[in-house]
């Protein structure tokens, strides 16, 4: 059919269904890079266009969350922070978790949230979740700038002496792994929930459990050794611990653990993109 069209008429572009799971056409993402950056701008500006505080929510939300964590887990539960000032510990943990959570949540709603646009015009569908990932990275940068300001204040005013050094170079790797895992897991959920919407409720519950299975609100060093071997199965532990090690010099830094997380990221991305590619052909019939 494709050859007949191109022979009979001189078309600039012929759009045909993908023939296999691995027919990903990732090169199209580069051709539509202008649309990607336009969508990033829409994702970022549109979220706060009709709000009173606007982007200031990026500062208010982590401060409020950090103070809540300090009250519950530091003052009431008396959970160890490994010698790190509690505000810095919880603010860093909240920032890195919000980044992962944002990467997942923005990717997991790609099909359902943008069904109206998908049904009108063709463009690589992966543009939507990728734009959300970049938007989440921008939001993390804003929150992390607040953390850096408070971090420097605590060092100067309170005499805190963190053990930092070469670990700082691994912060981009931590973000890369968390973004990849969140993106891969998110597009798997996005593809499946076009038909089974109740999966969102199950995954929301899993995400809550996953936060407590990741050393966000507690120090990994304080965990019982017998429990550590089970927590280590969580692919989020290594990048989160690397992030804390880079900032505070605490936690466990392991190349093997990072490789384990990297393997999970590659697996989730491969499976996610393949499933996303398959569902893309007929999701408008079920969404």
C-alpha atoms as a PDB file:
ATOM      1  CA  UNK A   1       0.000   0.000   0.000  1.00  0.00           C
ATOM      2  CA  UNK A   2       2.837   2.365   0.869  1.00  0.00           C
ATOM      3  CA  UNK A   3       4.690   1.665  -2.387  1.00  0.00           C
ATOM      4  CA  UNK A   4       1.475   2.188  -4.399  1.00  0.00           C
ATOM      5  CA  UNK A   5       0.924   5.617  -2.811  1.00  0.00           C
ATOM      6  CA  UNK A   6       4.454   6.799  -3.408  1.00  0.00           C
ATOM      7  CA  UNK A   7       4.414   5.599  -7.022  1.00  0.00           C
ATOM      8  CA  UNK A   8       1.036   7.126  -7.954  1.00  0.00           C
ATOM      9  CA  UNK A   9       1.470  10.457  -6.225  1.00  0.00           C
ATOM     10  CA  UNK A  10       4.422  12.571  -5.174  1.00  0.00           C
ATOM     11  CA  UNK A  11       3.948  12.892  -1.397  1.00  0.00           C
ATOM     12  CA  UNK A  12       6.442  14.661   0.865  1.00  0.00           C
ATOM     13  CA  UNK A  13       5.572  12.388   3.789  1.00  0.00           C
ATOM     14  CA  UNK A  14       3.662   9.138   4.040  1.00  0.00           C
ATOM     15  CA  UNK A  15       2.526   8.082   7.518  1.00  0.00           C
ATOM     16  CA  UNK A  16       1.946   4.356   7.947  1.00  0.00           C
ATOM     17  CA  UNK A  17       1.384   2.185  11.036  1.00  0.00           C
ATOM     18  CA  UNK A  18       4.479   0.806  12.724  1.00  0.00           C
ATOM     19  CA  UNK A  19       5.133  -2.735  11.582  1.00  0.00           C
ATOM     20  CA  UNK A  20       6.902  -4.156  14.648  1.00  0.00           C
ATOM     21  CA  UNK A  21       7.486  -3.550  18.344  1.00  0.00           C
ATOM     22  CA  UNK A  22      11.045  -2.402  17.666  1.00  0.00           C
ATOM     23  CA  UNK A  23      10.078   0.039  14.907  1.00  0.00           C
ATOM     24  CA  UNK A  24      10.667   2.929  17.302  1.00  0.00           C
ATOM     25  CA  UNK A  25      11.746   5.674  14.850  1.00  0.00           C
ATOM     26  CA  UNK A  26      13.626   7.500  17.572  1.00  0.00           C
ATOM     27  CA  UNK A  27      15.281   9.724  14.965  1.00  0.00           C
ATOM     28  CA  UNK A  28      11.950  11.511  14.607  1.00  0.00           C
ATOM     29  CA  UNK A  29      12.460  12.993  18.065  1.00  0.00           C
ATOM     30  CA  UNK A  30      15.370  15.028  16.710  1.00  0.00           C
ATOM     31  CA  UNK A  31      13.308  16.214  13.738  1.00  0.00           C
ATOM     32  CA  UNK A  32      10.612  17.418  16.138  1.00  0.00           C
ATOM     33  CA  UNK A  33      13.044  19.008  18.626  1.00  0.00           C
ATOM     34  CA  UNK A  34      11.372  22.430  18.200  1.00  0.00           C
ATOM     35  CA  UNK A  35       8.068  20.917  19.278  1.00  0.00           C
ATOM     36  CA  UNK A  36       9.805  19.283  22.245  1.00  0.00           C
ATOM     37  CA  UNK A  37      11.113  22.605  23.580  1.00  0.00           C
ATOM     38  CA  UNK A  38       7.794  24.314  22.871  1.00  0.00           C
ATOM     39  CA  UNK A  39       6.062  21.641  24.939  1.00  0.00           C
ATOM     40  CA  UNK A  40       8.606  22.032  27.741  1.00  0.00           C
ATOM     41  CA  UNK A  41       7.753  25.731  27.877  1.00  0.00           C
ATOM     42  CA  UNK A  42       4.044  24.886  27.939  1.00  0.00           C
ATOM     43  CA  UNK A  43       4.524  22.309  30.702  1.00  0.00           C
ATOM     44  CA  UNK A  44       6.437  24.744  32.882  1.00  0.00           C
ATOM     45  CA  UNK A  45       4.548  28.002  32.282  1.00  0.00           C
ATOM     46  CA  UNK A  46       1.084  26.487  31.922  1.00  0.00           C
ATOM     47  CA  UNK A  47       1.229  24.805  35.329  1.00  0.00           C
ATOM     48  CA  UNK A  48       1.420  28.159  37.146  1.00  0.00           C
ATOM     49  CA  UNK A  49      -0.268  30.515  34.698  1.00  0.00           C
ATOM     50  CA  UNK A  50      -3.447  31.000  36.763  1.00  0.00           C
ATOM     51  CA  UNK A  51      -1.961  30.754  40.256  1.00  0.00           C
ATOM     52  CA  UNK A  52      -1.346  33.499  42.796  1.00  0.00           C
ATOM     53  CA  UNK A  53       2.168  32.499  43.819  1.00  0.00           C
ATOM     54  CA  UNK A  54       3.249  31.157  40.432  1.00  0.00           C
ATOM     55  CA  UNK A  55       6.739  29.570  40.385  1.00  0.00           C
ATOM     56  CA  UNK A  56       7.157  30.523  44.065  1.00  0.00           C
ATOM     57  CA  UNK A  57       5.366  27.257  44.776  1.00  0.00           C
ATOM     58  CA  UNK A  58       8.676  25.588  43.877  1.00  0.00           C
ATOM     59  CA  UNK A  59      10.119  27.176  47.038  1.00  0.00           C
ATOM     60  CA  UNK A  60       7.088  27.053  49.338  1.00  0.00           C
ATOM     61  CA  UNK A  61       6.262  23.386  48.735  1.00  0.00           C
ATOM     62  CA  UNK A  62       9.696  21.902  49.659  1.00  0.00           C
ATOM     63  CA  UNK A  63      10.026  24.182  52.709  1.00  0.00           C
ATOM     64  CA  UNK A  64       6.583  23.166  54.001  1.00  0.00           C
ATOM     65  CA  UNK A  65       7.307  19.502  53.307  1.00  0.00           C
ATOM     66  CA  UNK A  66      10.709  19.693  54.991  1.00  0.00           C
ATOM     67  CA  UNK A  67       9.273  21.305  58.134  1.00  0.00           C
ATOM     68  CA  UNK A  68       6.577  18.604  58.259  1.00  0.00           C
ATOM     69  CA  UNK A  69       9.190  15.851  57.985  1.00  0.00           C
ATOM     70  CA  UNK A  70      11.262  17.511  60.721  1.00  0.00           C
ATOM     71  CA  UNK A  71       8.289  17.608  63.066  1.00  0.00           C
ATOM     72  CA  UNK A  72       7.150  14.028  62.482  1.00  0.00           C
ATOM     73  CA  UNK A  73      10.330  12.054  61.862  1.00  0.00           C
ATOM     74  CA  UNK A  74      12.917  14.113  63.756  1.00  0.00           C
ATOM     75  CA  UNK A  75      11.066  15.563  66.755  1.00  0.00           C
ATOM     76  CA  UNK A  76       8.407  12.893  67.291  1.00  0.00           C
ATOM     77  CA  UNK A  77       9.812   9.651  65.825  1.00  0.00           C
ATOM     78  CA  UNK A  78      13.442  10.650  66.540  1.00  0.00           C
ATOM     79  CA  UNK A  79      14.753   8.979  63.381  1.00  0.00           C
ATOM     80  CA  UNK A  80      18.488   9.339  62.812  1.00  0.00           C
ATOM     81  CA  UNK A  81      19.735  11.629  60.038  1.00  0.00           C
ATOM     82  CA  UNK A  82      23.304  10.338  60.197  1.00  0.00           C
ATOM     83  CA  UNK A  83      24.690  13.488  61.820  1.00  0.00           C
ATOM     84  CA  UNK A  84      23.374  15.815  59.090  1.00  0.00           C
ATOM     85  CA  UNK A  85      21.329  18.855  60.210  1.00  0.00           C
ATOM     86  CA  UNK A  86      17.734  17.722  59.960  1.00  0.00           C
ATOM     87  CA  UNK A  87      16.554  20.535  57.686  1.00  0.00           C
ATOM     88  CA  UNK A  88      19.279  19.828  55.132  1.00  0.00           C
ATOM     89  CA  UNK A  89      18.740  16.072  55.328  1.00  0.00           C
ATOM     90  CA  UNK A  90      14.984  16.180  54.753  1.00  0.00           C
ATOM     91  CA  UNK A  91      15.134  18.994  52.207  1.00  0.00           C
ATOM     92  CA  UNK A  92      17.662  17.076  50.083  1.00  0.00           C
ATOM     93  CA  UNK A  93      15.652  13.863  50.362  1.00  0.00           C
ATOM     94  CA  UNK A  94      12.431  15.643  49.448  1.00  0.00           C
ATOM     95  CA  UNK A  95      14.051  17.367  46.454  1.00  0.00           C
ATOM     96  CA  UNK A  96      15.402  14.149  44.962  1.00  0.00           C
ATOM     97  CA  UNK A  97      12.163  12.247  45.600  1.00  0.00           C
ATOM     98  CA  UNK A  98      10.052  15.026  44.077  1.00  0.00           C
ATOM     99  CA  UNK A  99      12.262  14.849  41.005  1.00  0.00           C
ATOM    100  CA  UNK A 100      11.770  11.091  40.604  1.00  0.00           C
ATOM    101  CA  UNK A 101       8.064  11.330  41.414  1.00  0.00           C
ATOM    102  CA  UNK A 102       7.645  14.147  38.891  1.00  0.00           C
ATOM    103  CA  UNK A 103       9.400  12.136  36.173  1.00  0.00           C
ATOM    104  CA  UNK A 104       7.130   9.173  36.846  1.00  0.00           C
ATOM    105  CA  UNK A 105       3.814  11.000  37.241  1.00  0.00           C
ATOM    106  CA  UNK A 106       4.283  13.211  34.168  1.00  0.00           C
ATOM    107  CA  UNK A 107       5.158  10.172  32.034  1.00  0.00           C
ATOM    108  CA  UNK A 108       2.438   7.898  33.409  1.00  0.00           C
ATOM    109  CA  UNK A 109      -0.357  10.230  32.257  1.00  0.00           C
ATOM    110  CA  UNK A 110       1.018  10.898  28.770  1.00  0.00           C
ATOM    111  CA  UNK A 111      -1.672   9.038  26.804  1.00  0.00           C
ATOM    112  CA  UNK A 112      -4.777   9.855  28.826  1.00  0.00           C
ATOM    113  CA  UNK A 113      -3.862  13.496  29.530  1.00  0.00           C
ATOM    114  CA  UNK A 114      -3.069  14.291  25.886  1.00  0.00           C
ATOM    115  CA  UNK A 115      -5.627  12.105  24.105  1.00  0.00           C
ATOM    116  CA  UNK A 116      -7.313  15.111  22.499  1.00  0.00           C
ATOM    117  CA  UNK A 117      -4.083  16.288  20.871  1.00  0.00           C
ATOM    118  CA  UNK A 118      -2.982  12.794  19.856  1.00  0.00           C
ATOM    119  CA  UNK A 119      -6.227  12.312  17.942  1.00  0.00           C
ATOM    120  CA  UNK A 120      -5.809  15.430  15.804  1.00  0.00           C
ATOM    121  CA  UNK A 121      -2.253  15.598  14.486  1.00  0.00           C
ATOM    122  CA  UNK A 122       0.739  13.315  14.067  1.00  0.00           C
ATOM    123  CA  UNK A 123       4.024  13.775  15.907  1.00  0.00           C
ATOM    124  CA  UNK A 124       6.237  11.358  17.879  1.00  0.00           C
ATOM    125  CA  UNK A 125       4.178  10.530  20.962  1.00  0.00           C
ATOM    126  CA  UNK A 126       7.310  10.230  23.102  1.00  0.00           C
ATOM    127  CA  UNK A 127       7.622  14.022  22.796  1.00  0.00           C
ATOM    128  CA  UNK A 128       5.051  14.438  25.587  1.00  0.00           C
ATOM    129  CA  UNK A 129       6.707  12.388  28.362  1.00  0.00           C
ATOM    130  CA  UNK A 130      10.177  13.617  27.356  1.00  0.00           C
ATOM    131  CA  UNK A 131       9.022  17.222  27.676  1.00  0.00           C
ATOM    132  CA  UNK A 132       7.670  16.418  31.135  1.00  0.00           C
ATOM    133  CA  UNK A 133      11.040  14.934  32.147  1.00  0.00           C
ATOM    134  CA  UNK A 134      12.861  18.114  31.100  1.00  0.00           C
ATOM    135  CA  UNK A 135      10.265  20.212  32.932  1.00  0.00           C
ATOM    136  CA  UNK A 136      10.811  18.113  36.074  1.00  0.00           C
ATOM    137  CA  UNK A 137      14.551  18.715  35.761  1.00  0.00           C
ATOM    138  CA  UNK A 138      13.971  22.482  35.625  1.00  0.00           C
ATOM    139  CA  UNK A 139      11.778  22.297  38.720  1.00  0.00           C
ATOM    140  CA  UNK A 140      14.447  20.279  40.505  1.00  0.00           C
ATOM    141  CA  UNK A 141      17.033  22.918  39.586  1.00  0.00           C
ATOM    142  CA  UNK A 142      14.898  25.609  41.215  1.00  0.00           C
ATOM    143  CA  UNK A 143      14.374  23.565  44.383  1.00  0.00           C
ATOM    144  CA  UNK A 144      18.025  22.582  44.496  1.00  0.00           C
ATOM    145  CA  UNK A 145      19.071  26.254  44.282  1.00  0.00           C
ATOM    146  CA  UNK A 146      17.049  26.857  47.459  1.00  0.00           C
ATOM    147  CA  UNK A 147      18.805  23.912  49.091  1.00  0.00           C
ATOM    148  CA  UNK A 148      22.242  25.296  48.141  1.00  0.00           C
ATOM    149  CA  UNK A 149      21.440  28.684  49.707  1.00  0.00           C
ATOM    150  CA  UNK A 150      20.326  27.060  52.980  1.00  0.00           C
ATOM    151  CA  UNK A 151      23.276  24.642  52.789  1.00  0.00           C
ATOM    152  CA  UNK A 152      25.760  27.520  52.630  1.00  0.00           C
ATOM    153  CA  UNK A 153      23.971  29.329  55.473  1.00  0.00           C
ATOM    154  CA  UNK A 154      24.191  26.279  57.759  1.00  0.00           C
ATOM    155  CA  UNK A 155      27.900  25.898  56.972  1.00  0.00           C
ATOM    156  CA  UNK A 156      28.680  29.561  57.688  1.00  0.00           C
ATOM    157  CA  UNK A 157      26.281  30.274  60.552  1.00  0.00           C
ATOM    158  CA  UNK A 158      26.237  26.939  62.358  1.00  0.00           C
ATOM    159  CA  UNK A 159      29.713  25.644  61.561  1.00  0.00           C
ATOM    160  CA  UNK A 160      28.509  22.479  59.851  1.00  0.00           C
ATOM    161  CA  UNK A 161      31.403  20.686  58.151  1.00  0.00           C
ATOM    162  CA  UNK A 162      30.150  18.212  55.540  1.00  0.00           C
ATOM    163  CA  UNK A 163      32.507  15.581  54.162  1.00  0.00           C
ATOM    164  CA  UNK A 164      32.186  16.340  50.476  1.00  0.00           C
ATOM    165  CA  UNK A 165      34.649  15.965  47.647  1.00  0.00           C
ATOM    166  CA  UNK A 166      34.808  13.923  44.451  1.00  0.00           C
ATOM    167  CA  UNK A 167      31.307  12.588  45.127  1.00  0.00           C
ATOM    168  CA  UNK A 168      29.833  15.821  43.740  1.00  0.00           C
ATOM    169  CA  UNK A 169      30.657  14.615  40.227  1.00  0.00           C
ATOM    170  CA  UNK A 170      28.131  11.798  40.650  1.00  0.00           C
ATOM    171  CA  UNK A 171      25.107  14.051  41.193  1.00  0.00           C
ATOM    172  CA  UNK A 172      24.324  14.160  37.428  1.00  0.00           C
ATOM    173  CA  UNK A 173      24.549  10.356  37.344  1.00  0.00           C
ATOM    174  CA  UNK A 174      22.050  10.101  40.206  1.00  0.00           C
ATOM    175  CA  UNK A 175      19.619  12.392  38.388  1.00  0.00           C
ATOM    176  CA  UNK A 176      20.111  10.492  35.138  1.00  0.00           C
ATOM    177  CA  UNK A 177      19.314   7.138  36.758  1.00  0.00           C
ATOM    178  CA  UNK A 178      16.269   8.461  38.615  1.00  0.00           C
ATOM    179  CA  UNK A 179      14.936  10.186  35.499  1.00  0.00           C
ATOM    180  CA  UNK A 180      15.447   7.050  33.408  1.00  0.00           C
ATOM    181  CA  UNK A 181      13.775   4.747  35.928  1.00  0.00           C
ATOM    182  CA  UNK A 182      10.883   7.161  36.433  1.00  0.00           C
ATOM    183  CA  UNK A 183      10.454   7.662  32.690  1.00  0.00           C
ATOM    184  CA  UNK A 184      10.572   3.950  31.880  1.00  0.00           C
ATOM    185  CA  UNK A 185       8.173   2.976  34.656  1.00  0.00           C
ATOM    186  CA  UNK A 186       5.899   5.902  33.800  1.00  0.00           C
ATOM    187  CA  UNK A 187       5.450   5.099  30.112  1.00  0.00           C
ATOM    188  CA  UNK A 188       4.741   1.440  30.965  1.00  0.00           C
ATOM    189  CA  UNK A 189       1.939   2.580  33.269  1.00  0.00           C
ATOM    190  CA  UNK A 190       0.795   5.161  30.708  1.00  0.00           C
ATOM    191  CA  UNK A 191       0.450   2.517  28.000  1.00  0.00           C
ATOM    192  CA  UNK A 192      -1.369  -0.007  30.213  1.00  0.00           C
ATOM    193  CA  UNK A 193      -3.777   2.484  31.813  1.00  0.00           C
ATOM    194  CA  UNK A 194      -5.243   3.458  28.440  1.00  0.00           C
ATOM    195  CA  UNK A 195      -7.343   0.298  28.860  1.00  0.00           C
ATOM    196  CA  UNK A 196      -7.118  -0.499  32.571  1.00  0.00           C
ATOM    197  CA  UNK A 197      -7.652   2.768  34.438  1.00  0.00           C
ATOM    198  CA  UNK A 198      -7.832   1.200  37.904  1.00  0.00           C
ATOM    199  CA  UNK A 199      -4.126   0.387  37.639  1.00  0.00           C
ATOM    200  CA  UNK A 200      -3.483   4.028  38.550  1.00  0.00           C
ATOM    201  CA  UNK A 201      -4.903   3.413  42.033  1.00  0.00           C
ATOM    202  CA  UNK A 202      -2.669   0.387  42.564  1.00  0.00           C
ATOM    203  CA  UNK A 203       0.432   2.201  41.334  1.00  0.00           C
ATOM    204  CA  UNK A 204      -0.332   5.215  43.562  1.00  0.00           C
ATOM    205  CA  UNK A 205      -0.282   2.844  46.544  1.00  0.00           C
ATOM    206  CA  UNK A 206       2.965   1.247  45.308  1.00  0.00           C
ATOM    207  CA  UNK A 207       4.581   4.675  44.970  1.00  0.00           C
ATOM    208  CA  UNK A 208       3.782   5.466  48.597  1.00  0.00           C
ATOM    209  CA  UNK A 209       5.369   2.210  49.708  1.00  0.00           C
ATOM    210  CA  UNK A 210       8.336   2.841  47.422  1.00  0.00           C
ATOM    211  CA  UNK A 211       9.081   6.133  49.150  1.00  0.00           C
ATOM    212  CA  UNK A 212       9.372   4.395  52.515  1.00  0.00           C
ATOM    213  CA  UNK A 213      11.481   1.651  50.935  1.00  0.00           C
ATOM    214  CA  UNK A 214      13.918   4.339  49.742  1.00  0.00           C
ATOM    215  CA  UNK A 215      16.178   6.164  52.259  1.00  0.00           C
ATOM    216  CA  UNK A 216      14.459   9.527  51.908  1.00  0.00           C
ATOM    217  CA  UNK A 217      13.332  10.177  55.476  1.00  0.00           C
ATOM    218  CA  UNK A 218      15.930   8.048  57.257  1.00  0.00           C
ATOM    219  CA  UNK A 219      19.628   7.328  57.074  1.00  0.00           C
ATOM    220  CA  UNK A 220      20.477   4.122  55.219  1.00  0.00           C
ATOM    221  CA  UNK A 221      23.331   3.499  57.681  1.00  0.00           C
ATOM    222  CA  UNK A 222      20.806   3.266  60.533  1.00  0.00           C
ATOM    223  CA  UNK A 223      18.891   0.404  58.893  1.00  0.00           C
ATOM    224  CA  UNK A 224      19.262  -3.046  60.398  1.00  0.00           C
ATOM    225  CA  UNK A 225      21.781  -5.120  58.372  1.00  0.00           C
ATOM    226  CA  UNK A 226      19.219  -7.899  57.985  1.00  0.00           C
ATOM    227  CA  UNK A 227      16.791  -5.483  56.350  1.00  0.00           C
ATOM    228  CA  UNK A 228      19.390  -3.759  54.179  1.00  0.00           C
ATOM    229  CA  UNK A 229      19.724  -6.720  51.834  1.00  0.00           C
ATOM    230  CA  UNK A 230      16.021  -6.413  50.997  1.00  0.00           C
ATOM    231  CA  UNK A 231      16.101  -2.635  50.621  1.00  0.00           C
ATOM    232  CA  UNK A 232      19.083  -2.998  48.301  1.00  0.00           C
ATOM    233  CA  UNK A 233      16.769  -4.679  45.776  1.00  0.00           C
ATOM    234  CA  UNK A 234      15.113  -1.299  45.281  1.00  0.00           C
ATOM    235  CA  UNK A 235      16.868   0.300  42.251  1.00  0.00           C
ATOM    236  CA  UNK A 236      16.228   3.775  43.679  1.00  0.00           C
ATOM    237  CA  UNK A 237      18.437   3.204  46.724  1.00  0.00           C
ATOM    238  CA  UNK A 238      21.787   3.505  44.928  1.00  0.00           C
ATOM    239  CA  UNK A 239      21.146   6.855  43.157  1.00  0.00           C
ATOM    240  CA  UNK A 240      19.544   8.361  46.283  1.00  0.00           C
ATOM    241  CA  UNK A 241      22.443   7.216  48.466  1.00  0.00           C
ATOM    242  CA  UNK A 242      24.920   8.532  45.888  1.00  0.00           C
ATOM    243  CA  UNK A 243      23.134  11.889  45.971  1.00  0.00           C
ATOM    244  CA  UNK A 244      23.401  12.061  49.780  1.00  0.00           C
ATOM    245  CA  UNK A 245      26.997  10.886  49.696  1.00  0.00           C
ATOM    246  CA  UNK A 246      27.829  13.689  47.277  1.00  0.00           C
ATOM    247  CA  UNK A 247      26.203  16.355  49.465  1.00  0.00           C
ATOM    248  CA  UNK A 248      26.968  15.187  52.978  1.00  0.00           C
ATOM    249  CA  UNK A 249      29.614  12.488  52.768  1.00  0.00           C
ATOM    250  CA  UNK A 250      27.284   9.953  54.406  1.00  0.00           C
ATOM    251  CA  UNK A 251      25.592   6.841  53.103  1.00  0.00           C
ATOM    252  CA  UNK A 252      26.877   4.055  50.916  1.00  0.00           C
ATOM    253  CA  UNK A 253      28.529   4.677  47.581  1.00  0.00           C
ATOM    254  CA  UNK A 254      28.906   1.556  45.441  1.00  0.00           C
ATOM    255  CA  UNK A 255      29.691   1.237  41.749  1.00  0.00           C
ATOM    256  CA  UNK A 256      28.073  -2.205  41.708  1.00  0.00           C
ATOM    257  CA  UNK A 257      24.854  -0.800  43.182  1.00  0.00           C
ATOM    258  CA  UNK A 258      24.842   1.958  40.559  1.00  0.00           C
ATOM    259  CA  UNK A 259      25.331  -0.646  37.822  1.00  0.00           C
ATOM    260  CA  UNK A 260      22.376  -2.573  39.269  1.00  0.00           C
ATOM    261  CA  UNK A 261      20.225   0.572  39.051  1.00  0.00           C
ATOM    262  CA  UNK A 262      21.518   1.239  35.534  1.00  0.00           C
ATOM    263  CA  UNK A 263      20.465  -2.242  34.419  1.00  0.00           C
ATOM    264  CA  UNK A 264      16.996  -1.644  35.841  1.00  0.00           C
ATOM    265  CA  UNK A 265      16.822   1.690  34.019  1.00  0.00           C
ATOM    266  CA  UNK A 266      17.783   0.136  30.670  1.00  0.00           C
ATOM    267  CA  UNK A 267      15.289  -2.689  31.165  1.00  0.00           C
ATOM    268  CA  UNK A 268      12.407  -0.362  32.080  1.00  0.00           C
ATOM    269  CA  UNK A 269      13.200   2.033  29.233  1.00  0.00           C
ATOM    270  CA  UNK A 270      13.354  -0.782  26.675  1.00  0.00           C
ATOM    271  CA  UNK A 271      10.143  -2.456  27.848  1.00  0.00           C
ATOM    272  CA  UNK A 272       8.406   0.899  28.281  1.00  0.00           C
ATOM    273  CA  UNK A 273       9.266   2.230  24.818  1.00  0.00           C
ATOM    274  CA  UNK A 274       8.310  -1.080  23.155  1.00  0.00           C
ATOM    275  CA  UNK A 275       4.923  -1.192  24.932  1.00  0.00           C
ATOM    276  CA  UNK A 276       4.394   2.520  24.318  1.00  0.00           C
ATOM    277  CA  UNK A 277       5.129   1.951  20.636  1.00  0.00           C
ATOM    278  CA  UNK A 278       2.644  -0.935  20.426  1.00  0.00           C
ATOM    279  CA  UNK A 279      -0.202   0.844  22.205  1.00  0.00           C
ATOM    280  CA  UNK A 280       0.329   4.035  20.214  1.00  0.00           C
ATOM    281  CA  UNK A 281      -1.182   2.424  17.099  1.00  0.00           C
ATOM    282  CA  UNK A 282      -4.662   1.893  18.531  1.00  0.00           C
ATOM    283  CA  UNK A 283      -4.881   3.634  21.898  1.00  0.00           C
ATOM    284  CA  UNK A 284      -7.457   6.156  20.596  1.00  0.00           C
ATOM    285  CA  UNK A 285      -9.968   3.263  20.408  1.00  0.00           C
ATOM    286  CA  UNK A 286      -9.664   2.555  24.137  1.00  0.00           C
ATOM    287  CA  UNK A 287      -8.619   5.816  25.816  1.00  0.00           C
END
